[in-house]
C-alpha cells in the first residue's frame, strides 16, 4: 500500500529528530546541505530538507530553494515545508516561482508555506522610552545578478534584526511618510538615520569568494549624507554562484556595517 505523502514526511521527521542530535554547531547546515544535494536515497534527501527547516539558519534557504527542483515529490514537499518553517522571507521568492508545481500535494505545501511567510514578516516595534536612535532601512541595490528579491530581503531582514538587537535603537516601519517620521522623532526625542545598501557583484579567483556591500548613512527624514561603510569579506573554498556562501557573507557584511554605523551614531550623539 502506498502511504500518503504527509504520513511519509512525519515518519522521516521523527528520524530527523534523532539523527540531528549527532550533528551540532556550524557544521550542521553544511552536513544536511551535502545530504540534500548528493544523497541517492530520496528518504535521506527528504530527511535533510526537514532538518534544514529546523536549523533556524539563513544559510539553509539556498539549498532548500534548489531542492524544490528535486525529482522526488517527497523531497520537493519537504523543502517547501522547511522553507515555511524557517520563517525567513528570503525563501518567498523561490516558493513563488514554484506555484506552478505539477504535483497537487506539493503545490499545496508551497502555497501554505508562502502564507506562513507572508504572515510572519516582521514589523518592527514602535520606539520605546529607552530608545535614542530611529533608523529607516532604505532600498537595496542588488548587483549579484540574481533574478529574484532574495538579496534585498536578506539585507533588509538582517539589518532590522541587527539594529533591534542593539540597545537604544528603533526601526521605522517600511513606507513611513515624512510627516509621520518627523512626528515620531519629535515626540519621542529621537535622532533619525536612513541606511541605504548596495550589494556589489561577488568576486571569485577560483579559490576564494569575496563579497562587498556599501551602506550609506543619511539623516532622517531629511536625508543628508553622513558617511559610508563598505565591509569586504572573503570565504576560502567558495566560488562564484555559490548562493549559500554568498548569503552567509552578505549577512555577516551587513552586520558589520550596522556595527560601524552604530559606533558613528553614538559618537556624535
Protein backbone atom coordinates (compact mmCIF):
# COMPACT_ATOMS: atom_id res chain seq x y z
CA UNK A 1 0.00 0.00 0.00
CA UNK A 2 1.26 3.48 -0.85
CA UNK A 3 1.40 5.71 2.20
CA UNK A 4 0.14 9.32 1.95
CA UNK A 5 2.86 11.92 1.50
CA UNK A 6 2.06 13.52 4.88
CA UNK A 7 2.50 10.21 6.71
CA UNK A 8 5.82 9.57 4.98
CA UNK A 9 7.08 13.04 5.91
CA UNK A 10 6.00 12.57 9.54
CA UNK A 11 7.96 9.34 9.79
CA UNK A 12 11.03 10.95 8.29
CA UNK A 13 10.63 13.99 10.57
CA UNK A 14 10.80 11.71 13.61
CA UNK A 15 14.01 10.24 12.22
CA UNK A 16 15.38 13.76 11.81
CA UNK A 17 14.81 14.48 15.49
CA UNK A 18 17.03 11.56 16.41
CA UNK A 19 19.73 11.96 13.77
CA UNK A 20 20.07 15.72 14.35
CA UNK A 21 21.30 15.06 17.85
CA UNK A 22 24.57 13.74 16.46
CA UNK A 23 25.25 16.81 14.32
CA UNK A 24 25.90 20.11 16.08
CA UNK A 25 27.48 23.53 15.67
CA UNK A 26 28.17 25.36 12.43
CA UNK A 27 28.69 22.07 10.59
CA UNK A 28 25.01 21.16 10.92
CA UNK A 29 23.80 23.18 7.94
CA UNK A 30 26.70 22.07 5.76
CA UNK A 31 26.16 18.41 6.69
CA UNK A 32 22.47 18.39 5.78
CA UNK A 33 23.05 20.54 2.68
CA UNK A 34 25.53 17.94 1.42
CA UNK A 35 22.99 15.16 2.04
CA UNK A 36 20.22 17.12 0.35
CA UNK A 37 22.32 17.70 -2.76
CA UNK A 38 24.09 14.38 -3.14
CA UNK A 39 22.29 11.53 -1.35
CA UNK A 40 20.93 8.95 -3.80
CA UNK A 41 18.12 7.81 -1.47
CA UNK A 42 15.17 10.22 -1.64
CA UNK A 43 14.37 9.44 2.01
CA UNK A 44 17.77 10.76 3.09
CA UNK A 45 17.28 13.89 0.98
CA UNK A 46 13.82 14.38 2.49
CA UNK A 47 15.24 13.97 5.99
CA UNK A 48 17.97 16.51 5.20
CA UNK A 49 15.42 19.05 3.93
CA UNK A 50 13.36 18.78 7.10
CA UNK A 51 16.48 19.09 9.24
CA UNK A 52 17.47 22.28 7.41
CA UNK A 53 13.99 23.65 8.08
CA UNK A 54 14.55 23.10 11.79
CA UNK A 55 18.02 24.69 11.76
CA UNK A 56 16.95 28.35 12.11
CA UNK A 57 19.91 29.16 9.84
CA UNK A 58 19.53 31.67 6.96
CA UNK A 59 22.15 29.64 5.11
CA UNK A 60 19.60 26.85 4.73
CA UNK A 61 17.39 28.87 2.38
CA UNK A 62 19.52 28.47 -0.79
CA UNK A 63 19.83 24.65 -0.71
CA UNK A 64 16.14 24.30 0.14
CA UNK A 65 15.23 26.51 -2.82
CA UNK A 66 17.38 24.30 -5.06
CA UNK A 67 15.62 21.22 -3.67
CA UNK A 68 12.27 22.49 -4.98
CA UNK A 69 13.55 21.14 -8.32
CA UNK A 70 14.28 17.65 -6.95
CA UNK A 71 12.95 14.70 -8.94
CA UNK A 72 11.20 13.31 -5.85
CA UNK A 73 7.77 14.62 -4.81
CA UNK A 74 8.62 13.88 -1.18
CA UNK A 75 11.82 15.93 -1.31
CA UNK A 76 10.11 18.88 -3.01
CA UNK A 77 7.32 18.80 -0.44
CA UNK A 78 9.79 18.61 2.44
CA UNK A 79 11.81 21.51 1.01
CA UNK A 80 8.69 23.66 0.66
CA UNK A 81 7.59 22.83 4.20
CA UNK A 82 11.07 23.54 5.52
CA UNK A 83 11.13 26.99 3.89
CA UNK A 84 7.89 27.81 5.69
CA UNK A 85 9.23 26.51 8.99
CA UNK A 86 12.36 28.66 8.68
CA UNK A 87 10.11 31.76 8.55
CA UNK A 88 12.81 33.50 6.53
CA UNK A 89 11.18 35.80 3.98
CA UNK A 90 14.14 35.31 1.64
CA UNK A 91 12.60 31.95 0.74
CA UNK A 92 9.37 33.51 -0.55
CA UNK A 93 10.84 34.29 -3.97
CA UNK A 94 11.69 30.71 -4.87
CA UNK A 95 8.40 29.43 -3.45
CA UNK A 96 6.50 31.85 -5.72
CA UNK A 97 8.40 30.51 -8.72
CA UNK A 98 7.07 27.03 -7.91
CA UNK A 99 3.39 27.91 -7.62
CA UNK A 100 3.04 26.06 -10.94
CA UNK A 101 4.20 22.80 -9.32
CA UNK A 102 2.53 19.91 -11.17
CA UNK A 103 2.03 17.66 -8.12
CA UNK A 104 -1.09 18.85 -6.27
CA UNK A 105 0.14 17.74 -2.84
CA UNK A 106 3.47 19.50 -3.25
CA UNK A 107 1.77 22.60 -4.64
CA UNK A 108 -0.44 22.72 -1.56
CA UNK A 109 2.64 22.75 0.69
CA UNK A 110 4.22 25.51 -1.42
CA UNK A 111 1.08 27.63 -1.06
CA UNK A 112 0.85 27.00 2.69
CA UNK A 113 4.49 27.97 3.25
CA UNK A 114 4.01 31.17 1.25
CA UNK A 115 1.09 32.10 3.51
CA UNK A 116 3.25 31.42 6.58
CA UNK A 117 5.98 33.71 5.26
CA UNK A 118 3.52 36.43 4.33
CA UNK A 119 2.02 36.35 7.81
CA UNK A 120 5.39 36.07 9.51
CA UNK A 121 7.10 39.14 8.09
CA UNK A 122 8.49 41.15 10.93
CA UNK A 123 7.01 44.55 11.67
CA UNK A 124 9.37 46.49 13.94
CA UNK A 125 8.00 47.51 17.35
CA UNK A 126 7.41 51.22 17.99
CA UNK A 127 10.16 53.19 19.75
CA UNK A 128 10.34 52.61 23.49
CA UNK A 129 11.16 55.02 26.32
CA UNK A 130 14.82 53.98 26.36
CA UNK A 131 15.43 54.35 22.64
CA UNK A 132 17.69 57.09 21.29
CA UNK A 133 18.07 56.32 17.58
CA UNK A 134 15.38 55.85 14.96
CA UNK A 135 16.60 54.10 11.80
CA UNK A 136 14.82 53.75 8.47
CA UNK A 137 16.03 50.94 6.19
CA UNK A 138 16.16 52.16 2.61
CA UNK A 139 16.06 50.30 -0.71
CA UNK A 140 18.73 47.73 -1.55
CA UNK A 141 20.59 47.77 -4.87
CA UNK A 142 21.46 44.20 -5.84
CA UNK A 143 24.37 43.74 -8.29
CA UNK A 144 24.72 39.99 -7.71
CA UNK A 145 22.79 39.19 -10.88
CA UNK A 146 20.02 37.24 -9.18
CA UNK A 147 16.61 37.44 -10.82
CA UNK A 148 14.60 37.41 -7.59
CA UNK A 149 14.38 39.61 -4.47
CA UNK A 150 16.29 37.22 -2.21
CA UNK A 151 19.26 39.56 -1.70
CA UNK A 152 17.07 42.59 -0.96
CA UNK A 153 15.02 40.55 1.50
CA UNK A 154 18.12 39.12 3.20
CA UNK A 155 19.73 42.56 3.62
CA UNK A 156 16.57 44.18 5.00
CA UNK A 157 15.85 41.36 7.42
CA UNK A 158 19.45 41.11 8.65
CA UNK A 159 19.74 44.87 9.07
CA UNK A 160 16.49 45.12 11.03
CA UNK A 161 17.37 42.18 13.29
CA UNK A 162 20.84 43.60 13.99
CA UNK A 163 19.56 47.11 14.73
CA UNK A 164 16.88 45.83 17.10
CA UNK A 165 19.48 43.75 18.94
CA UNK A 166 21.33 46.95 19.87
CA UNK A 167 20.33 48.89 22.96
CA UNK A 168 18.67 52.22 22.22
CA UNK A 169 17.72 51.56 18.56
CA UNK A 170 14.26 51.52 17.00
CA UNK A 171 13.47 50.78 13.34
CA UNK A 172 11.00 52.76 11.25
CA UNK A 173 8.26 50.75 9.51
CA UNK A 174 8.60 50.32 5.75
CA UNK A 175 6.92 53.03 3.71
CA UNK A 176 6.70 55.54 6.55
CA UNK A 177 5.80 59.05 5.32
CA UNK A 178 7.95 62.09 6.05
CA UNK A 179 5.30 63.80 8.23
CA UNK A 180 4.86 60.68 10.34
CA UNK A 181 8.64 60.25 10.70
CA UNK A 182 9.04 63.86 11.81
CA UNK A 183 6.26 63.49 14.36
CA UNK A 184 7.67 60.26 15.83
CA UNK A 185 11.19 61.70 16.08
CA UNK A 186 9.94 64.92 17.69
CA UNK A 187 7.51 63.30 20.13
CA UNK A 188 9.99 60.64 21.25
CA UNK A 189 13.10 62.86 21.24
CA UNK A 190 14.94 60.59 18.83
CA UNK A 191 17.79 61.05 16.37
CA UNK A 192 16.85 59.79 12.91
CA UNK A 193 19.02 57.95 10.38
CA UNK A 194 18.44 56.36 6.98
CA UNK A 195 20.56 53.43 5.74
CA UNK A 196 20.79 52.56 2.05
CA UNK A 197 22.63 49.46 0.81
CA UNK A 198 24.32 48.36 -2.40
CA UNK A 199 25.50 44.74 -2.74
CA UNK A 200 28.32 44.56 -5.26
CA UNK A 201 28.89 41.71 -7.71
CA UNK A 202 30.59 38.81 -5.84
CA UNK A 203 34.18 38.20 -6.98
CA UNK A 204 35.94 34.85 -7.17
CA UNK A 205 39.51 33.89 -8.10
CA UNK A 206 38.66 30.19 -8.21
CA UNK A 207 39.71 29.53 -4.62
CA UNK A 208 38.09 32.37 -2.66
CA UNK A 209 34.77 34.22 -2.81
CA UNK A 210 34.65 37.92 -1.89
CA UNK A 211 31.57 40.00 -1.19
CA UNK A 212 31.48 43.78 -0.71
CA UNK A 213 28.47 45.77 0.43
CA UNK A 214 28.23 49.55 0.66
CA UNK A 215 25.94 51.09 3.25
CA UNK A 216 25.45 54.84 3.08
CA UNK A 217 24.33 56.68 6.22
CA UNK A 218 21.94 59.63 5.91
CA UNK A 219 20.00 61.82 8.28
CA UNK A 220 16.29 61.01 8.52
CA UNK A 221 13.90 62.10 7.23
CA UNK A 222 15.88 64.98 5.64
CA UNK A 223 18.36 62.52 4.03
CA UNK A 224 21.59 64.48 4.21
CA UNK A 225 24.60 62.22 3.55
CA UNK A 226 26.57 61.40 6.72
CA UNK A 227 29.01 58.68 5.65
CA UNK A 228 29.58 55.25 4.10
CA UNK A 229 30.64 51.82 5.32
CA UNK A 230 31.94 49.17 2.91
CA UNK A 231 32.77 45.84 4.60
CA UNK A 232 34.65 43.34 2.41
CA UNK A 233 34.50 39.69 3.43
CA UNK A 234 36.20 36.68 1.83
CA UNK A 235 35.45 32.97 2.22
CA UNK A 236 38.04 30.37 1.26
CA UNK A 237 36.95 27.35 -0.73
CA UNK A 238 33.85 29.03 -2.17
CA UNK A 239 33.27 30.00 -5.77
CA UNK A 240 31.09 32.37 -7.79
CA UNK A 241 27.48 31.24 -8.00
CA UNK A 242 27.54 29.53 -4.60
CA UNK A 243 24.40 31.21 -3.23
CA UNK A 244 24.71 29.64 0.20
CA UNK A 245 28.19 31.11 0.69
CA UNK A 246 27.14 34.44 -0.85
CA UNK A 247 24.20 34.68 1.55
CA UNK A 248 26.40 33.99 4.57
CA UNK A 249 28.94 36.62 3.50
CA UNK A 250 26.23 39.19 2.76
CA UNK A 251 24.64 38.60 6.16
CA UNK A 252 27.94 39.00 8.02
CA UNK A 253 28.86 42.09 5.99
CA UNK A 254 25.52 43.74 6.78
CA UNK A 255 26.01 43.06 10.48
CA UNK A 256 29.49 44.59 10.35
CA UNK A 257 28.17 47.66 8.53
CA UNK A 258 25.47 48.15 11.16
CA UNK A 259 28.06 47.87 13.93
CA UNK A 260 30.17 50.53 12.22
CA UNK A 261 27.11 52.76 11.77
CA UNK A 262 26.22 52.40 15.45
CA UNK A 263 29.69 53.44 16.57
CA UNK A 264 29.48 56.59 14.45
CA UNK A 265 25.90 57.40 15.52
CA UNK A 266 26.73 57.02 19.20
CA UNK A 267 29.93 59.06 18.92
CA UNK A 268 28.01 62.04 17.51
CA UNK A 269 25.05 61.84 19.87
